[in-house]
N, C-alpha and C. Protein backbone atom coordinates (compact mmCIF):
# COMPACT_ATOMS: atom_id res chain seq x y z
N MET A 1 -188.77 67.50 2.39
CA MET A 1 -187.53 66.38 2.51
C MET A 1 -187.52 64.88 2.05
N TYR A 2 -187.94 64.18 1.97
CA TYR A 2 -188.27 63.07 1.91
C TYR A 2 -188.36 62.80 0.06
N HIS A 3 -189.33 63.81 -0.17
CA HIS A 3 -189.60 63.60 -1.26
C HIS A 3 -188.50 64.16 -1.93
N TYR A 4 -187.69 65.41 -1.70
CA TYR A 4 -186.60 65.76 -2.37
C TYR A 4 -185.28 64.41 -2.16
N VAL A 5 -185.38 63.49 -0.96
CA VAL A 5 -184.44 62.37 -1.13
C VAL A 5 -184.67 61.93 -2.38
N LEU A 6 -185.99 61.16 -2.34
CA LEU A 6 -186.13 60.17 -3.15
C LEU A 6 -185.77 61.00 -5.10
N ALA A 7 -185.98 62.32 -5.19
CA ALA A 7 -186.06 62.68 -6.35
C ALA A 7 -184.51 62.81 -6.60
N HIS A 8 -183.56 62.60 -5.67
CA HIS A 8 -182.01 62.27 -6.18
C HIS A 8 -181.77 61.48 -5.46
N ASN A 9 -182.36 60.06 -5.50
CA ASN A 9 -181.76 59.11 -5.92
C ASN A 9 -182.12 58.18 -7.03
N PRO A 10 -181.22 57.22 -7.10
CA PRO A 10 -181.91 56.41 -8.91
C PRO A 10 -183.42 56.17 -8.53
N GLN A 11 -183.83 56.28 -9.51
CA GLN A 11 -185.34 56.38 -9.67
C GLN A 11 -185.72 54.67 -10.22
N LEU A 12 -186.69 54.16 -9.73
CA LEU A 12 -187.49 53.04 -10.04
C LEU A 12 -187.92 53.09 -11.54
N ASP A 13 -187.67 51.39 -11.98
CA ASP A 13 -188.17 51.82 -13.33
C ASP A 13 -189.53 51.04 -13.32
N SER A 14 -189.88 51.13 -14.62
CA SER A 14 -191.49 50.57 -14.73
C SER A 14 -191.84 49.09 -14.20
N VAL A 15 -191.01 48.32 -13.48
CA VAL A 15 -191.57 46.76 -13.43
C VAL A 15 -191.35 47.01 -12.01
N GLN A 16 -190.82 48.15 -11.18
CA GLN A 16 -190.20 47.93 -9.96
C GLN A 16 -191.32 49.21 -9.64
N ARG A 17 -191.68 50.42 -10.50
CA ARG A 17 -193.04 50.82 -9.92
C ARG A 17 -194.28 50.46 -9.81
N GLU A 18 -194.67 49.62 -10.66
CA GLU A 18 -195.95 48.77 -10.78
C GLU A 18 -195.83 48.13 -9.66
N LEU A 19 -194.95 47.16 -9.50
CA LEU A 19 -195.02 46.29 -8.29
C LEU A 19 -195.55 46.93 -7.11
N VAL A 20 -194.50 47.91 -7.12
CA VAL A 20 -194.84 48.74 -5.89
C VAL A 20 -196.63 49.47 -5.93
N GLU A 21 -197.03 49.87 -6.81
CA GLU A 21 -198.43 50.08 -6.78
C GLU A 21 -199.37 48.99 -6.69
N ARG A 22 -198.99 47.99 -7.47
CA ARG A 22 -199.74 46.86 -7.17
C ARG A 22 -200.30 46.49 -5.56
N THR A 23 -199.17 45.93 -4.85
CA THR A 23 -199.35 46.21 -3.32
C THR A 23 -199.61 46.42 -2.83
N HIS A 24 -199.63 47.97 -3.23
CA HIS A 24 -200.48 48.58 -2.43
C HIS A 24 -202.19 48.52 -2.56
N GLN A 25 -202.20 48.26 -3.82
CA GLN A 25 -203.70 47.95 -4.15
C GLN A 25 -204.05 47.03 -3.73
N GLN A 26 -203.14 45.98 -3.69
CA GLN A 26 -203.86 44.49 -3.43
C GLN A 26 -203.94 44.43 -1.53
N PHE A 27 -202.61 44.67 -1.50
CA PHE A 27 -202.21 44.12 0.05
C PHE A 27 -202.52 45.72 1.10
N PRO A 28 -203.85 46.65 1.07
CA PRO A 28 -203.34 47.87 1.50
C PRO A 28 -202.76 47.49 3.19
N ASP A 29 -203.50 46.40 3.51
CA ASP A 29 -203.08 46.23 5.04
C ASP A 29 -202.09 45.81 6.03
N SER A 30 -201.23 45.20 4.54
CA SER A 30 -199.68 44.69 4.86
C SER A 30 -198.56 45.38 3.56
N ALA A 31 -199.28 46.45 2.86
CA ALA A 31 -197.93 46.83 2.56
C ALA A 31 -196.70 47.40 2.74
N GLY A 32 -197.28 48.00 4.34
CA GLY A 32 -196.28 48.35 5.11
C GLY A 32 -194.61 47.30 5.28
N MET A 33 -195.36 46.10 4.91
CA MET A 33 -194.27 45.35 4.96
C MET A 33 -193.39 45.46 3.69
N GLN A 34 -193.60 46.25 2.99
CA GLN A 34 -192.82 46.18 1.55
C GLN A 34 -191.85 47.29 1.45
N SER A 35 -189.90 46.89 1.35
CA SER A 35 -189.28 47.86 1.17
C SER A 35 -189.53 49.34 0.78
N ALA A 36 -189.55 50.18 1.69
CA ALA A 36 -189.73 51.53 0.92
C ALA A 36 -188.67 51.87 -0.60
N PRO A 37 -189.23 52.44 -0.80
CA PRO A 37 -188.87 52.44 -2.62
C PRO A 37 -187.75 53.21 -2.14
N GLU A 38 -187.06 53.99 -1.27
CA GLU A 38 -185.20 54.37 -1.37
C GLU A 38 -184.78 53.04 -1.32
N GLN A 39 -184.90 51.94 -0.37
CA GLN A 39 -184.35 50.54 -0.45
C GLN A 39 -183.98 49.99 -1.13
N GLY A 40 -184.91 49.76 -2.59
CA GLY A 40 -184.96 49.42 -3.68
C GLY A 40 -183.38 49.99 -4.12
N PRO A 41 -183.15 50.65 -4.84
CA PRO A 41 -181.75 51.30 -4.60
C PRO A 41 -180.44 51.62 -3.80
N LEU A 42 -180.76 51.55 -2.72
CA LEU A 42 -179.74 51.05 -1.89
C LEU A 42 -179.03 49.76 -1.56
N LEU A 43 -180.04 48.97 -2.06
CA LEU A 43 -179.68 47.66 -2.44
C LEU A 43 -178.95 46.82 -3.33
N ALA A 44 -179.43 47.54 -4.32
CA ALA A 44 -178.60 47.52 -5.64
C ALA A 44 -177.53 47.66 -5.59
N PHE A 45 -176.94 48.91 -4.95
CA PHE A 45 -176.29 49.81 -5.16
C PHE A 45 -175.36 49.00 -4.23
N LEU A 46 -175.63 48.11 -3.12
CA LEU A 46 -174.90 47.06 -2.36
C LEU A 46 -174.46 46.04 -3.00
N VAL A 47 -175.04 45.56 -3.73
CA VAL A 47 -174.43 44.83 -3.84
C VAL A 47 -173.40 45.03 -5.61
N ARG A 48 -174.19 45.41 -5.92
CA ARG A 48 -172.88 46.35 -7.21
C ARG A 48 -171.41 46.61 -6.61
N LEU A 49 -171.75 47.37 -5.17
CA LEU A 49 -170.49 47.77 -4.60
C LEU A 49 -169.96 46.82 -4.13
N ILE A 50 -169.91 45.48 -3.89
CA ILE A 50 -169.44 44.50 -2.96
C ILE A 50 -169.11 43.38 -4.22
N GLY A 51 -169.59 44.03 -5.57
CA GLY A 51 -169.75 42.60 -6.57
C GLY A 51 -170.14 41.43 -6.00
N ALA A 52 -171.05 41.42 -5.45
CA ALA A 52 -172.28 39.95 -5.18
C ALA A 52 -172.67 39.15 -5.99
N ARG A 53 -172.64 37.87 -6.11
CA ARG A 53 -173.05 36.52 -7.22
C ARG A 53 -174.30 36.27 -6.62
N HIS A 54 -173.89 35.82 -5.07
CA HIS A 54 -174.83 34.96 -4.36
C HIS A 54 -175.58 35.64 -3.06
N VAL A 55 -176.61 36.15 -3.22
CA VAL A 55 -177.13 36.49 -2.21
C VAL A 55 -178.05 35.79 -2.08
N VAL A 56 -178.67 35.81 -0.32
CA VAL A 56 -179.91 35.82 -0.01
C VAL A 56 -180.52 36.65 0.78
N GLU A 57 -181.90 36.66 0.51
CA GLU A 57 -182.88 37.17 1.29
C GLU A 57 -183.86 36.40 2.21
N VAL A 58 -183.92 36.89 3.46
CA VAL A 58 -184.82 36.46 4.52
C VAL A 58 -186.44 37.44 4.40
N GLY A 59 -187.45 36.86 3.59
CA GLY A 59 -188.11 37.62 3.96
C GLY A 59 -188.62 38.62 2.42
N THR A 60 -189.70 37.90 1.45
CA THR A 60 -189.48 38.29 0.24
C THR A 60 -191.19 39.45 0.40
N PHE A 61 -192.28 38.90 0.42
CA PHE A 61 -193.40 39.40 0.55
C PHE A 61 -193.47 39.71 -1.06
N THR A 62 -193.97 40.61 -1.52
CA THR A 62 -194.41 40.68 -2.81
C THR A 62 -193.26 40.95 -4.07
N GLY A 63 -191.67 40.75 -3.27
CA GLY A 63 -190.94 40.57 -4.58
C GLY A 63 -190.23 42.13 -4.54
N PHE A 64 -190.18 43.32 -4.28
CA PHE A 64 -189.51 44.48 -4.77
C PHE A 64 -188.01 44.86 -4.40
N SER A 65 -187.75 44.00 -3.19
CA SER A 65 -186.58 43.97 -2.33
C SER A 65 -185.79 43.02 -3.72
N ALA A 66 -186.15 41.40 -3.82
CA ALA A 66 -185.97 41.04 -4.28
C ALA A 66 -185.86 41.18 -6.14
N LEU A 67 -186.35 42.18 -6.37
CA LEU A 67 -186.70 42.39 -7.86
C LEU A 67 -185.23 43.64 -8.09
N SER A 68 -184.75 44.49 -7.07
CA SER A 68 -183.98 45.23 -6.94
C SER A 68 -182.47 44.91 -6.82
N MET A 69 -182.65 43.57 -6.13
CA MET A 69 -181.02 42.81 -5.82
C MET A 69 -180.71 42.31 -6.88
N ALA A 70 -182.24 41.29 -7.54
CA ALA A 70 -181.62 40.17 -8.74
C ALA A 70 -181.13 41.41 -9.85
N GLN A 71 -181.65 42.68 -9.88
CA GLN A 71 -181.40 43.53 -11.53
C GLN A 71 -180.18 43.92 -11.42
N ALA A 72 -179.13 44.25 -9.91
CA ALA A 72 -178.38 44.35 -9.92
C ALA A 72 -177.11 43.67 -9.62
N LEU A 73 -177.48 42.12 -10.14
CA LEU A 73 -176.71 41.01 -9.89
C LEU A 73 -176.15 40.51 -11.66
N PRO A 74 -174.80 40.23 -11.61
CA PRO A 74 -174.26 39.53 -13.10
C PRO A 74 -175.68 38.49 -13.30
N ALA A 75 -175.51 38.14 -14.78
CA ALA A 75 -176.28 37.47 -15.28
C ALA A 75 -175.91 36.22 -14.71
N ASP A 76 -175.27 35.80 -14.41
CA ASP A 76 -174.80 34.54 -13.64
C ASP A 76 -175.30 34.12 -12.00
N GLY A 77 -175.47 35.72 -11.61
CA GLY A 77 -175.80 35.98 -10.27
C GLY A 77 -176.71 34.75 -9.59
N THR A 78 -176.83 34.28 -8.40
CA THR A 78 -177.88 34.12 -8.25
C THR A 78 -178.67 34.80 -6.49
N LEU A 79 -180.07 34.66 -6.78
CA LEU A 79 -180.73 35.53 -5.55
C LEU A 79 -181.42 34.11 -4.61
N ILE A 80 -181.20 33.56 -3.38
CA ILE A 80 -182.20 32.57 -2.69
C ILE A 80 -182.73 33.70 -1.84
N ALA A 81 -184.70 33.28 -2.21
CA ALA A 81 -185.38 34.25 -1.69
C ALA A 81 -186.23 33.23 -0.93
N CYS A 82 -186.50 33.80 0.56
CA CYS A 82 -186.89 32.84 1.47
C CYS A 82 -188.18 34.03 2.12
N ASP A 83 -189.27 32.88 1.90
CA ASP A 83 -190.62 33.20 2.33
C ASP A 83 -191.57 31.95 2.65
N VAL A 84 -193.08 32.26 2.82
CA VAL A 84 -194.01 31.32 3.30
C VAL A 84 -194.84 31.61 2.64
N SER A 85 -195.23 32.55 1.65
CA SER A 85 -196.31 32.88 1.31
C SER A 85 -196.72 32.49 -0.27
N GLU A 86 -197.43 31.88 -0.72
CA GLU A 86 -197.38 31.78 -2.10
C GLU A 86 -198.04 32.64 -2.42
N GLU A 87 -199.08 33.39 -2.04
CA GLU A 87 -199.93 34.21 -2.57
C GLU A 87 -199.14 35.45 -2.73
N TRP A 88 -198.94 36.09 -1.59
CA TRP A 88 -197.65 37.49 -1.60
C TRP A 88 -196.45 37.21 -3.06
N THR A 89 -195.92 35.79 -2.97
CA THR A 89 -194.63 35.99 -3.59
C THR A 89 -194.87 35.96 -5.31
N ALA A 90 -196.36 35.18 -5.46
CA ALA A 90 -197.09 35.61 -6.97
C ALA A 90 -196.81 36.77 -7.43
N TYR A 91 -196.71 37.93 -7.13
CA TYR A 91 -196.42 38.98 -7.59
C TYR A 91 -195.27 38.99 -8.04
N GLY A 92 -194.36 39.14 -7.05
CA GLY A 92 -192.96 38.78 -7.09
C GLY A 92 -192.57 38.40 -8.72
N ARG A 93 -192.84 37.13 -8.32
CA ARG A 93 -192.64 36.35 -9.33
C ARG A 93 -193.08 36.95 -10.81
N GLU A 94 -194.25 37.19 -11.00
CA GLU A 94 -194.58 37.77 -12.07
C GLU A 94 -193.88 39.36 -12.66
N ALA A 95 -193.45 39.71 -11.79
CA ALA A 95 -192.50 41.22 -12.04
C ALA A 95 -191.03 40.72 -12.29
N TRP A 96 -190.23 39.27 -11.34
CA TRP A 96 -189.29 39.02 -11.81
C TRP A 96 -189.00 38.77 -13.15
N ALA A 97 -190.48 37.90 -13.98
CA ALA A 97 -190.21 37.66 -14.94
C ALA A 97 -190.56 38.29 -16.22
N LYS A 98 -190.86 39.88 -15.51
CA LYS A 98 -191.34 41.03 -16.54
C LYS A 98 -189.66 41.40 -16.95
N ALA A 99 -188.83 41.54 -15.69
CA ALA A 99 -188.36 42.30 -15.53
C ALA A 99 -186.52 41.56 -16.13
N GLY A 100 -186.73 40.14 -16.62
CA GLY A 100 -185.96 39.31 -17.12
C GLY A 100 -184.76 39.10 -16.64
N VAL A 101 -185.72 38.89 -14.85
CA VAL A 101 -184.15 38.34 -13.91
C VAL A 101 -184.91 36.96 -13.20
N ALA A 102 -186.14 36.58 -13.80
CA ALA A 102 -186.38 35.60 -13.32
C ALA A 102 -185.56 33.98 -13.04
N ASP A 103 -184.36 34.52 -13.97
CA ASP A 103 -183.88 32.73 -13.92
C ASP A 103 -182.90 32.66 -12.59
N ARG A 104 -182.72 34.44 -12.17
CA ARG A 104 -181.79 34.86 -11.33
C ARG A 104 -182.38 34.33 -9.46
N ILE A 105 -183.62 34.18 -9.40
CA ILE A 105 -184.14 34.09 -8.27
C ILE A 105 -184.61 32.70 -7.93
N GLN A 106 -184.19 32.31 -7.02
CA GLN A 106 -184.74 30.80 -6.31
C GLN A 106 -185.84 31.16 -5.50
N LEU A 107 -186.71 30.57 -5.65
CA LEU A 107 -187.95 31.05 -4.56
C LEU A 107 -188.38 29.55 -3.64
N ARG A 108 -187.50 30.17 -2.39
CA ARG A 108 -187.68 28.70 -1.52
C ARG A 108 -189.62 29.01 -0.75
N ILE A 109 -190.53 28.57 -0.78
CA ILE A 109 -191.92 28.65 0.04
C ILE A 109 -191.94 27.59 0.82
N ALA A 110 -190.66 28.25 2.18
CA ALA A 110 -190.61 27.03 3.78
C ALA A 110 -190.22 28.39 5.05
N PRO A 111 -190.33 27.63 6.00
CA PRO A 111 -190.01 28.72 7.07
C PRO A 111 -187.98 28.66 6.74
N ALA A 112 -187.62 30.40 6.83
CA ALA A 112 -186.71 30.33 6.46
C ALA A 112 -185.78 30.00 6.99
N LEU A 113 -185.68 29.21 8.39
CA LEU A 113 -184.66 28.73 9.38
C LEU A 113 -184.32 27.46 8.31
N GLU A 114 -185.10 26.54 8.10
CA GLU A 114 -185.33 25.50 7.27
C GLU A 114 -184.13 25.35 5.96
N THR A 115 -184.52 26.41 5.75
CA THR A 115 -183.87 27.14 3.85
C THR A 115 -182.30 27.49 4.26
N LEU A 116 -182.54 28.19 5.55
CA LEU A 116 -180.66 28.77 6.19
C LEU A 116 -179.75 27.18 6.39
N ARG A 117 -180.52 26.48 6.96
CA ARG A 117 -179.99 24.89 7.64
C ARG A 117 -179.60 24.46 6.60
N GLY A 118 -180.03 24.37 5.40
CA GLY A 118 -179.74 23.82 4.40
C GLY A 118 -179.47 23.71 3.55
N MET A 119 -178.59 24.78 3.51
CA MET A 119 -177.46 25.75 2.44
C MET A 119 -175.85 25.05 3.23
N PRO A 120 -175.07 25.46 2.03
CA PRO A 120 -174.14 24.60 2.44
C PRO A 120 -173.10 25.22 3.89
N THR A 121 -172.44 25.01 5.21
CA THR A 121 -172.02 26.02 5.76
C THR A 121 -170.93 26.68 5.52
N GLU A 122 -169.90 26.71 4.80
CA GLU A 122 -168.85 26.79 4.29
C GLU A 122 -169.27 28.68 3.88
N PRO A 123 -168.26 29.13 3.97
CA PRO A 123 -168.65 30.91 3.70
C PRO A 123 -168.63 31.33 2.43
N HIS A 124 -169.72 31.74 1.84
CA HIS A 124 -170.38 31.53 0.43
C HIS A 124 -171.08 32.94 -0.09
N ILE A 125 -171.72 33.38 0.93
CA ILE A 125 -173.45 34.08 0.50
C ILE A 125 -172.32 35.81 0.84
N ASP A 126 -172.46 36.21 -0.16
CA ASP A 126 -171.82 37.19 -0.48
C ASP A 126 -172.96 38.88 0.13
N LEU A 127 -174.10 38.96 0.48
CA LEU A 127 -174.76 39.61 1.04
C LEU A 127 -176.54 38.99 1.08
N ALA A 128 -176.74 39.33 2.44
CA ALA A 128 -178.05 38.59 3.12
C ALA A 128 -178.79 40.07 3.52
N TYR A 129 -180.37 39.81 2.83
CA TYR A 129 -180.83 40.82 3.44
C TYR A 129 -182.09 39.94 3.88
N LEU A 130 -182.48 40.98 5.42
CA LEU A 130 -183.52 40.27 6.74
C LEU A 130 -184.08 41.11 6.90
N ASP A 131 -185.72 40.89 6.33
CA ASP A 131 -186.59 41.48 6.42
C ASP A 131 -187.41 40.91 6.04
N ALA A 132 -188.15 40.22 7.55
CA ALA A 132 -188.70 39.03 7.76
C ALA A 132 -189.42 39.24 9.14
N ASP A 133 -189.99 37.80 9.98
CA ASP A 133 -190.54 38.03 11.62
C ASP A 133 -189.19 38.40 12.25
N LYS A 134 -189.57 39.38 13.40
CA LYS A 134 -188.75 40.03 14.10
C LYS A 134 -188.07 39.38 15.05
N ALA A 135 -189.05 38.43 15.83
CA ALA A 135 -188.86 37.08 16.24
C ALA A 135 -187.59 36.44 15.77
N GLY A 136 -187.67 36.36 14.65
CA GLY A 136 -186.59 35.39 14.36
C GLY A 136 -185.58 36.17 13.94
N TYR A 137 -184.90 36.80 13.83
CA TYR A 137 -184.01 38.04 13.52
C TYR A 137 -182.52 37.26 14.28
N ILE A 138 -182.50 36.88 15.22
CA ILE A 138 -181.00 36.99 16.01
C ILE A 138 -180.89 35.00 15.38
N ALA A 139 -181.99 34.61 15.23
CA ALA A 139 -182.15 33.11 14.55
C ALA A 139 -181.10 33.38 13.68
N TYR A 140 -181.81 33.71 12.69
CA TYR A 140 -181.32 34.27 11.19
C TYR A 140 -180.20 34.77 11.13
N TRP A 141 -179.65 35.71 11.88
CA TRP A 141 -178.03 36.26 12.31
C TRP A 141 -177.39 34.87 12.07
N GLU A 142 -177.63 34.51 13.29
CA GLU A 142 -176.77 33.39 13.63
C GLU A 142 -176.23 31.96 12.53
N GLU A 143 -177.76 31.39 11.82
CA GLU A 143 -177.36 31.12 10.67
C GLU A 143 -176.62 31.58 9.59
N LEU A 144 -176.74 32.74 9.26
CA LEU A 144 -175.91 33.46 8.00
C LEU A 144 -174.54 34.38 8.05
N VAL A 145 -174.46 34.19 9.22
CA VAL A 145 -172.98 34.72 9.98
C VAL A 145 -171.79 34.06 9.42
N PRO A 146 -171.84 32.48 9.81
CA PRO A 146 -170.83 31.70 9.74
C PRO A 146 -171.23 31.40 7.96
N ARG A 147 -172.00 31.35 7.20
CA ARG A 147 -171.88 31.21 5.84
C ARG A 147 -171.83 32.99 4.92
N LEU A 148 -171.38 33.40 6.06
CA LEU A 148 -171.08 34.60 5.33
C LEU A 148 -169.41 34.73 4.57
N ARG A 149 -169.17 35.23 3.64
CA ARG A 149 -167.82 35.25 3.30
C ARG A 149 -167.01 36.39 3.84
N PRO A 150 -165.82 36.31 3.61
CA PRO A 150 -165.51 37.55 4.53
C PRO A 150 -165.72 39.16 3.59
N GLY A 151 -165.96 40.09 4.35
CA GLY A 151 -166.72 41.21 3.34
C GLY A 151 -167.32 41.10 3.15
N GLY A 152 -168.53 39.93 3.02
CA GLY A 152 -169.79 40.15 3.24
C GLY A 152 -170.84 40.82 4.00
N LEU A 153 -171.71 41.22 3.41
CA LEU A 153 -172.67 42.14 4.25
C LEU A 153 -174.01 41.09 4.34
N ILE A 154 -174.49 41.35 6.04
CA ILE A 154 -175.94 41.15 5.97
C ILE A 154 -176.28 42.88 6.63
N VAL A 155 -177.48 42.84 6.19
CA VAL A 155 -178.21 44.15 5.71
C VAL A 155 -179.94 43.85 6.25
N ALA A 156 -179.92 44.63 7.25
CA ALA A 156 -181.36 44.25 8.36
C ALA A 156 -182.43 45.38 8.26
N ASP A 157 -183.17 45.18 7.92
CA ASP A 157 -184.74 46.11 7.89
C ASP A 157 -185.24 46.21 9.32
N ASN A 158 -185.84 47.42 9.54
CA ASN A 158 -186.82 47.69 10.23
C ASN A 158 -186.04 47.77 12.11
N VAL A 159 -185.19 48.24 12.16
CA VAL A 159 -184.02 48.09 12.84
C VAL A 159 -184.60 49.80 13.83
N LEU A 160 -185.19 50.19 13.78
CA LEU A 160 -185.90 51.19 14.31
C LEU A 160 -186.76 51.05 14.89
N PHE A 161 -188.25 50.36 14.04
CA PHE A 161 -189.13 49.78 14.33
C PHE A 161 -190.40 50.59 15.09
N HIS A 162 -190.02 51.46 13.68
CA HIS A 162 -191.08 52.76 14.06
C HIS A 162 -190.74 53.92 15.32
N GLY A 163 -190.08 53.63 15.77
CA GLY A 163 -189.43 54.12 16.66
C GLY A 163 -189.55 53.38 18.60
N GLN A 164 -190.20 52.83 18.32
CA GLN A 164 -190.66 51.97 19.52
C GLN A 164 -189.32 50.98 20.06
N VAL A 165 -188.23 51.01 19.53
CA VAL A 165 -186.74 50.38 20.29
C VAL A 165 -186.40 51.42 21.42
N THR A 166 -186.86 52.23 21.50
CA THR A 166 -186.27 53.46 22.73
C THR A 166 -187.24 53.12 23.45
N ASP A 167 -188.75 52.62 23.41
CA ASP A 167 -189.70 52.53 24.06
C ASP A 167 -189.80 51.97 25.52
N PRO A 168 -189.41 52.17 26.60
CA PRO A 168 -189.52 50.94 27.70
C PRO A 168 -190.64 49.94 28.04
N ALA A 169 -192.34 50.82 27.12
CA ALA A 169 -192.99 50.16 27.25
C ALA A 169 -193.13 49.20 26.21
N ALA A 170 -192.50 49.06 25.71
CA ALA A 170 -192.88 48.25 23.81
C ALA A 170 -192.53 47.00 24.38
N SER A 171 -193.71 46.02 23.55
CA SER A 171 -193.48 44.55 23.99
C SER A 171 -193.30 43.80 22.73
N GLY A 172 -193.52 43.12 21.66
CA GLY A 172 -193.11 42.03 20.94
C GLY A 172 -192.31 42.43 20.31
N SER A 173 -192.92 42.58 18.89
CA SER A 173 -191.41 42.68 17.65
C SER A 173 -190.41 43.98 18.56
N ALA A 174 -191.37 44.75 18.83
CA ALA A 174 -189.96 45.93 19.23
C ALA A 174 -188.89 45.59 20.17
N VAL A 175 -189.48 44.55 20.96
CA VAL A 175 -188.10 43.82 21.99
C VAL A 175 -187.38 43.20 21.23
N ALA A 176 -188.08 42.38 20.17
CA ALA A 176 -186.99 41.93 19.70
C ALA A 176 -186.15 42.35 18.90
N ILE A 177 -186.53 43.50 18.01
CA ILE A 177 -185.71 43.91 17.54
C ILE A 177 -184.58 44.91 18.43
N ARG A 178 -185.05 45.37 19.77
CA ARG A 178 -183.99 45.47 20.44
C ARG A 178 -182.98 44.72 20.64
N GLU A 179 -183.60 43.54 21.40
CA GLU A 179 -182.62 42.64 21.64
C GLU A 179 -181.83 42.00 20.15
N PHE A 180 -182.36 42.01 19.32
CA PHE A 180 -181.46 42.01 17.93
C PHE A 180 -180.22 43.15 17.90
N ASN A 181 -180.87 44.55 17.98
CA ASN A 181 -179.89 45.04 17.72
C ASN A 181 -178.60 45.40 18.88
N ASP A 182 -178.90 44.95 20.08
CA ASP A 182 -177.74 44.76 21.05
C ASP A 182 -176.92 43.14 20.94
N HIS A 183 -177.40 42.07 19.84
CA HIS A 183 -176.81 41.04 19.80
C HIS A 183 -176.09 41.70 18.75
N VAL A 184 -176.44 42.19 17.82
CA VAL A 184 -175.43 42.83 16.17
C VAL A 184 -174.20 43.54 16.95
N VAL A 185 -174.35 44.48 18.18
CA VAL A 185 -173.12 45.47 18.30
C VAL A 185 -172.69 44.52 19.55
N ALA A 186 -173.13 43.27 20.01
CA ALA A 186 -171.69 43.03 20.64
C ALA A 186 -170.85 41.61 19.95
N ASP A 187 -171.99 41.08 18.77
CA ASP A 187 -171.15 40.86 17.98
C ASP A 187 -169.31 40.89 17.28
N ASP A 188 -168.72 40.37 17.35
CA ASP A 188 -167.25 41.11 16.94
C ASP A 188 -166.92 39.88 16.11
N ARG A 189 -167.97 39.00 15.52
CA ARG A 189 -167.39 38.70 14.05
C ARG A 189 -167.69 39.76 12.94
N MET A 190 -168.52 40.61 13.05
CA MET A 190 -169.50 41.52 12.63
C MET A 190 -169.09 43.46 12.50
N GLU A 191 -168.71 43.63 11.77
CA GLU A 191 -168.78 45.44 11.86
C GLU A 191 -170.14 46.11 11.52
N ALA A 192 -170.53 46.74 12.59
CA ALA A 192 -172.07 47.23 11.60
C ALA A 192 -171.57 48.76 12.14
N VAL A 193 -173.33 49.54 10.93
CA VAL A 193 -173.75 50.78 11.26
C VAL A 193 -175.06 50.90 11.15
N MET A 194 -175.65 51.33 12.00
CA MET A 194 -177.26 51.40 12.05
C MET A 194 -177.21 53.12 11.32
N LEU A 195 -178.39 52.95 10.15
CA LEU A 195 -178.33 53.91 9.02
C LEU A 195 -179.83 54.04 9.92
N THR A 196 -180.47 55.52 9.29
CA THR A 196 -182.04 56.27 9.77
C THR A 196 -182.64 56.17 8.13
N VAL A 197 -182.20 55.24 7.23
CA VAL A 197 -183.33 55.16 6.18
C VAL A 197 -184.80 54.18 6.48
N ALA A 198 -185.16 55.21 5.74
CA ALA A 198 -186.54 54.16 5.77
C ALA A 198 -186.92 53.33 7.52
N ASP A 199 -187.47 52.36 7.92
CA ASP A 199 -187.49 52.06 8.99
C ASP A 199 -186.35 51.63 9.84
N GLY A 200 -185.31 51.96 9.77
CA GLY A 200 -183.90 51.88 10.40
C GLY A 200 -183.48 50.65 9.49
N VAL A 201 -181.84 50.65 8.81
CA VAL A 201 -181.08 49.78 8.42
C VAL A 201 -179.84 49.87 8.63
N THR A 202 -179.54 48.78 9.02
CA THR A 202 -178.37 48.69 9.64
C THR A 202 -177.30 47.54 8.50
N VAL A 203 -176.24 47.90 8.38
CA VAL A 203 -175.29 46.93 7.45
C VAL A 203 -174.51 46.68 8.13
N ALA A 204 -174.00 45.77 8.11
CA ALA A 204 -173.18 45.01 8.51
C ALA A 204 -172.30 44.16 8.23
N ARG A 205 -170.48 44.08 8.19
CA ARG A 205 -169.85 43.73 7.48
C ARG A 205 -169.29 42.25 7.92
N LYS A 206 -168.67 41.26 7.42
CA LYS A 206 -167.64 40.36 8.07
C LYS A 206 -166.48 40.55 7.83
N ARG A 207 -166.30 40.78 9.04
CA ARG A 207 -164.34 40.86 9.45
C ARG A 207 -164.05 40.10 8.60
């Protein structure tokens, strides 16, 4: 069924496929941090759907999701990619250049909270993708929501956390995600839907 879904979604281009493959080859123990193949087309679709011009990504890893969103941006669009690893993001930089979208991506190597807090405080972000350390999700959310324009989106990954969010004995990141999910539901500034895509994706729209 999963392969059927992939076959009936937009296909990854050669640069995207190469980046996915290189990530699995170079970082076999960490490749699970990469957004799933079906999430790239979904993110690109959302960027186009809302006419996004200013995108923020919290957690870039090797750059697949940033690549997918940047390709969907207009030529003068901007994606600010937040990560703390020069090693991982070097693979993204190479792929972004190969795809001709490097000029749309501003990579910030620093703790994401520092980057977010340094941004203008007025609503200006069209779409934010959240896929970083789970313990930081609520803090990232609280920095992003005020900076999100009305009708803008926050897309949060791993909201099912391998099914552990329903396990009362879960600890660590699973508990952090469970608390984040409750936080999102209670936030009347946003309306949100949780989707069973990959490891769970929440799409939230600012009212």
